Amino acid sequence: MSAAIFELSVTCHVAAPREIAWKVWTDLKDQWFCPKPWRAEVIEEDLRSGGRSAVRMFGPDGEDTGPMEGVFLEVVPGEKVVTTDAYASGWIPQTPFMTAIWSFADEGEGTRFTATARHWDAEAMERHKEMGFHPGWDQMAEQFKALCEASAASA
């Protein structure tokens, strides 16, 4: 059985070079990572295999996701980042929900940005759909695209 069976994904063309898209992904996550009016707060991003990835999201009515803990599995600067919530920092197992793959590829004068969520099973994937994967991740990708393009225009 292929992992792609339990995969949800969004993609967009960004009218900005890959190095700008990478910089926005690594340095400005608090500005695009969750659909507005929600906001994201990066607790820690240790961009290396085994490094901690911790982000917290806050809603307009006081909602608080608490820290979303995970680790980086693979980091290829400017090309791809793979994270999972199956582990907390220090390889401490926790109940897994997904593995996220963020990829950046040259396309024409810009960048093809793809964000993929791979789930362990159909139930987790369906739960993510019900949580609002679409339109949530679609809006996140649009916010990312706009921020990249504004950054390119001011560069």
C-alpha atoms as a PDB file:
ATOM      1  CA  MET A   1       0.000   0.000   0.000  1.00  0.00           C
ATOM      2  CA  SER A   2       1.401   3.372  -1.019  1.00  0.00           C
ATOM      3  CA  ALA A   3       1.824   6.241   1.435  1.00  0.00           C
ATOM      4  CA  ALA A   4       0.282   8.519  -1.195  1.00  0.00           C
ATOM      5  CA  ILE A   5      -3.101   6.907  -0.490  1.00  0.00           C
ATOM      6  CA  PHE A   6      -3.220   8.850   2.791  1.00  0.00           C
ATOM      7  CA  GLU A   7      -1.824  12.096   1.404  1.00  0.00           C
ATOM      8  CA  LEU A   8      -3.290  15.592   1.238  1.00  0.00           C
ATOM      9  CA  SER A   9      -1.451  18.327  -0.617  1.00  0.00           C
ATOM     10  CA  VAL A  10      -1.559  21.927  -1.776  1.00  0.00           C
ATOM     11  CA  THR A  11       0.659  23.558  -4.368  1.00  0.00           C
ATOM     12  CA  CYS A  12       1.069  26.950  -5.969  1.00  0.00           C
ATOM     13  CA  HIS A  13       3.381  28.813  -8.300  1.00  0.00           C
ATOM     14  CA  VAL A  14       5.186  31.651  -6.539  1.00  0.00           C
ATOM     15  CA  ALA A  15       6.452  34.551  -8.647  1.00  0.00           C
ATOM     16  CA  ALA A  16       9.683  34.751  -6.646  1.00  0.00           C
ATOM     17  CA  PRO A  17      13.013  32.945  -6.821  1.00  0.00           C
ATOM     18  CA  ARG A  18      13.473  29.801  -4.747  1.00  0.00           C
ATOM     19  CA  GLU A  19      15.974  31.473  -2.403  1.00  0.00           C
ATOM     20  CA  ILE A  20      13.338  34.057  -1.425  1.00  0.00           C
ATOM     21  CA  ALA A  21      10.686  31.347  -0.923  1.00  0.00           C
ATOM     22  CA  TRP A  22      13.137  29.447   1.276  1.00  0.00           C
ATOM     23  CA  LYS A  23      13.910  32.563   3.334  1.00  0.00           C
ATOM     24  CA  VAL A  24      10.196  33.289   3.824  1.00  0.00           C
ATOM     25  CA  TRP A  25       9.607  29.651   4.870  1.00  0.00           C
ATOM     26  CA  THR A  26      12.470  29.657   7.375  1.00  0.00           C
ATOM     27  CA  ASP A  27      12.341  33.223   8.710  1.00  0.00           C
ATOM     28  CA  LEU A  28       8.733  34.452   8.447  1.00  0.00           C
ATOM     29  CA  LYS A  29       6.659  31.419   9.462  1.00  0.00           C
ATOM     30  CA  ASP A  30       4.768  33.473  12.050  1.00  0.00           C
ATOM     31  CA  GLN A  31       3.322  35.543   9.163  1.00  0.00           C
ATOM     32  CA  TRP A  32       1.980  32.770   6.918  1.00  0.00           C
ATOM     33  CA  PHE A  33       1.832  29.403   8.718  1.00  0.00           C
ATOM     34  CA  CYS A  34      -1.828  29.433   9.744  1.00  0.00           C
ATOM     35  CA  PRO A  35      -4.929  30.971   8.169  1.00  0.00           C
ATOM     36  CA  LYS A  36      -5.636  34.501   9.343  1.00  0.00           C
ATOM     37  CA  PRO A  37      -7.121  35.671  11.681  1.00  0.00           C
ATOM     38  CA  TRP A  38      -5.247  32.884  13.493  1.00  0.00           C
ATOM     39  CA  ARG A  39      -1.587  33.569  14.192  1.00  0.00           C
ATOM     40  CA  ALA A  40       1.408  31.315  14.595  1.00  0.00           C
ATOM     41  CA  GLU A  41       4.220  31.612  17.097  1.00  0.00           C
ATOM     42  CA  VAL A  42       7.426  29.723  16.390  1.00  0.00           C
ATOM     43  CA  ILE A  43       8.764  28.306  19.640  1.00  0.00           C
ATOM     44  CA  GLU A  44      11.792  26.611  18.093  1.00  0.00           C
ATOM     45  CA  GLU A  45      12.940  25.496  14.659  1.00  0.00           C
ATOM     46  CA  ASP A  46      16.249  23.652  14.746  1.00  0.00           C
ATOM     47  CA  LEU A  47      16.600  23.093  10.986  1.00  0.00           C
ATOM     48  CA  ARG A  48      18.574  19.842  10.975  1.00  0.00           C
ATOM     49  CA  SER A  49      17.719  16.155  11.010  1.00  0.00           C
ATOM     50  CA  GLY A  50      16.558  15.379  14.546  1.00  0.00           C
ATOM     51  CA  GLY A  51      16.098  19.060  15.408  1.00  0.00           C
ATOM     52  CA  ARG A  52      13.040  20.289  17.283  1.00  0.00           C
ATOM     53  CA  SER A  53      10.100  21.818  15.426  1.00  0.00           C
ATOM     54  CA  ALA A  54       7.643  23.510  17.776  1.00  0.00           C
ATOM     55  CA  VAL A  55       4.905  25.942  16.746  1.00  0.00           C
ATOM     56  CA  ARG A  56       1.868  27.217  18.622  1.00  0.00           C
ATOM     57  CA  MET A  57      -1.252  28.708  17.026  1.00  0.00           C
ATOM     58  CA  PHE A  58      -3.610  31.231  18.562  1.00  0.00           C
ATOM     59  CA  GLY A  59      -7.159  31.937  17.414  1.00  0.00           C
ATOM     60  CA  PRO A  60      -9.051  35.234  17.356  1.00  0.00           C
ATOM     61  CA  ASP A  61     -11.311  34.130  20.232  1.00  0.00           C
ATOM     62  CA  GLY A  62      -8.528  33.038  22.567  1.00  0.00           C
ATOM     63  CA  GLU A  63      -8.059  29.551  21.143  1.00  0.00           C
ATOM     64  CA  ASP A  64      -4.617  28.074  21.809  1.00  0.00           C
ATOM     65  CA  THR A  65      -3.407  24.856  20.183  1.00  0.00           C
ATOM     66  CA  GLY A  66      -0.645  24.430  22.729  1.00  0.00           C
ATOM     67  CA  PRO A  67       2.785  23.596  21.367  1.00  0.00           C
ATOM     68  CA  MET A  68       2.670  21.408  18.277  1.00  0.00           C
ATOM     69  CA  GLU A  69       5.833  19.374  18.828  1.00  0.00           C
ATOM     70  CA  GLY A  70       7.758  17.446  16.233  1.00  0.00           C
ATOM     71  CA  VAL A  71      11.160  16.845  14.737  1.00  0.00           C
ATOM     72  CA  PHE A  72      12.830  17.507  11.431  1.00  0.00           C
ATOM     73  CA  LEU A  73      13.561  14.285   9.553  1.00  0.00           C
ATOM     74  CA  GLU A  74      15.238  15.821   6.507  1.00  0.00           C
ATOM     75  CA  VAL A  75      16.375  19.325   5.616  1.00  0.00           C
ATOM     76  CA  VAL A  76      17.755  20.109   2.159  1.00  0.00           C
ATOM     77  CA  PRO A  77      18.216  23.909   2.191  1.00  0.00           C
ATOM     78  CA  GLY A  78      16.279  25.596  -0.584  1.00  0.00           C
ATOM     79  CA  GLU A  79      14.667  22.340  -1.724  1.00  0.00           C
ATOM     80  CA  LYS A  80      12.827  20.319   0.890  1.00  0.00           C
ATOM     81  CA  VAL A  81      11.924  20.014   4.565  1.00  0.00           C
ATOM     82  CA  VAL A  82      10.350  16.909   6.103  1.00  0.00           C
ATOM     83  CA  THR A  83       8.908  17.012   9.623  1.00  0.00           C
ATOM     84  CA  THR A  84       6.855  14.619  11.713  1.00  0.00           C
ATOM     85  CA  ASP A  85       4.880  14.829  14.922  1.00  0.00           C
ATOM     86  CA  ALA A  86       5.548  11.125  15.615  1.00  0.00           C
ATOM     87  CA  TYR A  87       8.397  12.247  17.880  1.00  0.00           C
ATOM     88  CA  ALA A  88       9.107  15.119  20.209  1.00  0.00           C
ATOM     89  CA  SER A  89      12.654  16.449  20.486  1.00  0.00           C
ATOM     90  CA  GLY A  90      15.098  13.815  21.700  1.00  0.00           C
ATOM     91  CA  TRP A  91      13.261  11.074  19.745  1.00  0.00           C
ATOM     92  CA  ILE A  92      10.544  10.781  22.368  1.00  0.00           C
ATOM     93  CA  PRO A  93       7.634   8.892  20.755  1.00  0.00           C
ATOM     94  CA  GLN A  94       4.247  10.572  20.799  1.00  0.00           C
ATOM     95  CA  THR A  95       0.941   9.785  19.115  1.00  0.00           C
ATOM     96  CA  PRO A  96       1.570  10.456  15.427  1.00  0.00           C
ATOM     97  CA  PHE A  97      -0.788  12.399  13.211  1.00  0.00           C
ATOM     98  CA  MET A  98       1.230  13.168  10.098  1.00  0.00           C
ATOM     99  CA  THR A  99       4.504  13.730   8.321  1.00  0.00           C
ATOM    100  CA  ALA A 100       4.741  17.052   6.473  1.00  0.00           C
ATOM    101  CA  ILE A 101       6.813  17.557   3.341  1.00  0.00           C
ATOM    102  CA  TRP A 102       7.524  21.085   2.164  1.00  0.00           C
ATOM    103  CA  SER A 103       9.166  21.324  -1.248  1.00  0.00           C
ATOM    104  CA  PHE A 104      10.526  24.141  -3.382  1.00  0.00           C
ATOM    105  CA  ALA A 105      11.371  23.689  -7.089  1.00  0.00           C
ATOM    106  CA  ASP A 106      12.363  26.098  -9.826  1.00  0.00           C
ATOM    107  CA  GLU A 107       9.512  26.670 -12.266  1.00  0.00           C
ATOM    108  CA  GLY A 108       9.866  29.270 -14.983  1.00  0.00           C
ATOM    109  CA  GLU A 109      10.861  32.575 -13.419  1.00  0.00           C
ATOM    110  CA  GLY A 110       9.563  31.490 -10.019  1.00  0.00           C
ATOM    111  CA  THR A 111       9.103  28.607  -7.622  1.00  0.00           C
ATOM    112  CA  ARG A 112       6.702  25.687  -7.343  1.00  0.00           C
ATOM    113  CA  PHE A 113       5.809  25.406  -3.641  1.00  0.00           C
ATOM    114  CA  THR A 114       4.172  22.191  -2.469  1.00  0.00           C
ATOM    115  CA  ALA A 115       3.017  21.354   1.050  1.00  0.00           C
ATOM    116  CA  THR A 116       2.057  17.737   1.663  1.00  0.00           C
ATOM    117  CA  ALA A 117       0.601  15.987   4.698  1.00  0.00           C
ATOM    118  CA  ARG A 118       1.085  12.211   4.806  1.00  0.00           C
ATOM    119  CA  HIS A 119      -0.996  10.333   7.338  1.00  0.00           C
ATOM    120  CA  TRP A 120      -0.542   6.895   8.906  1.00  0.00           C
ATOM    121  CA  ASP A 121      -4.012   5.736   7.966  1.00  0.00           C
ATOM    122  CA  ALA A 122      -7.275   6.695   6.294  1.00  0.00           C
ATOM    123  CA  GLU A 123      -8.860   7.673   9.616  1.00  0.00           C
ATOM    124  CA  ALA A 124      -6.145  10.267  10.342  1.00  0.00           C
ATOM    125  CA  MET A 125      -6.413  11.640   6.811  1.00  0.00           C
ATOM    126  CA  GLU A 126     -10.210  11.930   7.081  1.00  0.00           C
ATOM    127  CA  ARG A 127      -9.849  13.635  10.465  1.00  0.00           C
ATOM    128  CA  HIS A 128      -7.453  16.154   8.882  1.00  0.00           C
ATOM    129  CA  LYS A 129      -9.976  16.817   6.090  1.00  0.00           C
ATOM    130  CA  GLU A 130     -12.709  17.355   8.702  1.00  0.00           C
ATOM    131  CA  MET A 131     -10.405  19.708  10.638  1.00  0.00           C
ATOM    132  CA  GLY A 132     -10.352  21.862   7.510  1.00  0.00           C
ATOM    133  CA  PHE A 133      -7.208  20.851   5.619  1.00  0.00           C
ATOM    134  CA  HIS A 134      -8.942  22.522   2.689  1.00  0.00           C
ATOM    135  CA  PRO A 135      -9.459  25.495   2.926  1.00  0.00           C
ATOM    136  CA  GLY A 136      -6.921  25.940   5.764  1.00  0.00           C
ATOM    137  CA  TRP A 137      -3.799  24.792   3.953  1.00  0.00           C
ATOM    138  CA  ASP A 138      -5.031  26.481   0.744  1.00  0.00           C
ATOM    139  CA  GLN A 139      -5.179  29.798   2.602  1.00  0.00           C
ATOM    140  CA  MET A 140      -1.779  29.126   4.195  1.00  0.00           C
ATOM    141  CA  ALA A 141      -0.292  28.547   0.716  1.00  0.00           C
ATOM    142  CA  GLU A 142      -1.857  31.775  -0.583  1.00  0.00           C
ATOM    143  CA  GLN A 143      -0.472  33.725   2.394  1.00  0.00           C
ATOM    144  CA  PHE A 144       2.954  32.157   1.770  1.00  0.00           C
ATOM    145  CA  LYS A 145       2.778  33.046  -1.946  1.00  0.00           C
ATOM    146  CA  ALA A 146       1.791  36.675  -1.232  1.00  0.00           C
ATOM    147  CA  LEU A 147       4.564  37.108   1.320  1.00  0.00           C
ATOM    148  CA  CYS A 148       7.157  35.607  -1.060  1.00  0.00           C
ATOM    149  CA  GLU A 149       6.040  37.844  -3.908  1.00  0.00           C
ATOM    150  CA  ALA A 150       6.026  40.967  -1.714  1.00  0.00           C
ATOM    151  CA  SER A 151       9.527  40.037  -0.487  1.00  0.00           C
ATOM    152  CA  ALA A 152      10.726  39.580  -4.092  1.00  0.00           C
ATOM    153  CA  ALA A 153       9.246  42.927  -5.129  1.00  0.00           C
ATOM    154  CA  SER A 154      11.075  44.734  -2.320  1.00  0.00           C
ATOM    155  CA  ALA A 155      14.385  42.889  -2.838  1.00  0.00           C
END
